[in-house]
Amino acid sequence: MREIVLDTETTGLDPLRGDRLVEVGCVEILNRMPTGQTFHRYINPERDVPQEAFAVHGLSTEFLADKPLFGAVVDEFLAFIGDAPLVIHNASFDISFINAELDRLKRSPIPRERLVDTLLLARRKHPGVSNRLDDLCSRYAIDNSHRTKHGALLDAELLAEVYIDLIGARQSSLVLADTRRIEITAQLDGPRRQRPTPLVPRVTDADREAHRAFVATLGEKAIWKGYLEQA
């Protein structure tokens, strides 16, 4: 099963008031494991970046000025996500910006039926506590120390790790690995083939007599005596 973990950065909180997309990051997951395939683009929002937004993601108006417009990357973006489910933290926020950009280009919106909202999943699994991405990383012992600011690709990579833990896929893979290990061990512990011709013993009669003489010097309670009696 192919899924795409997606995150965005924007100039603000509301696309209906003129806020725009400035960054998109996607991570491909296949059968609940990251494949290493990613999509990442900075986008010129065709407007200034407010100081409040810059404080969150660090993407300035000057930095974004020479970046492509969304229309220049939309085909590549849509080809990468294909028809896969989109795994997003607080999905309604990100998809509202993506669909607003698609609407400007007279493209079809992404239906909400494709969305997997990890914030809703986390709230069901961990009710009554904060379920921000940083909180989930701490909860699942995922290293996010390099996340000093928000970044679409970095956050998508972290969310992919969180998602795998959130749905229990990592635990399932460990169980499957343990099961496979047991099967292999059982095969190794099964009947072994015998040599058609036994190897010639390397221990001579003189070696055996020397060993018996040595054991005799160890006293009556030496454990080696028991082995000699069994031989």
Foldseek 3Di string as FASTA:
>chain_A
DKEKEKFWAWLDQDVVVPIATFKIKIFIDDLLHTPPDMDIFGAQSVDFRDPVSCVFAVQGNVNRVPGHHCVVCVVVVCVVRPQAQYEYAVVVRVQNRVQSSCVVVVHDGDDPVSYDHVNVLCCVVPPPDDDDLVVLCVVVVNDPVVPPHDDTRSSSVSVSVSVCVSVVVVVVVVVVVVVVVVVVVVVVPDDDDDDPDDDDDPQDPVNVVVVVVVVVVVDPPDPVVVVVVVD
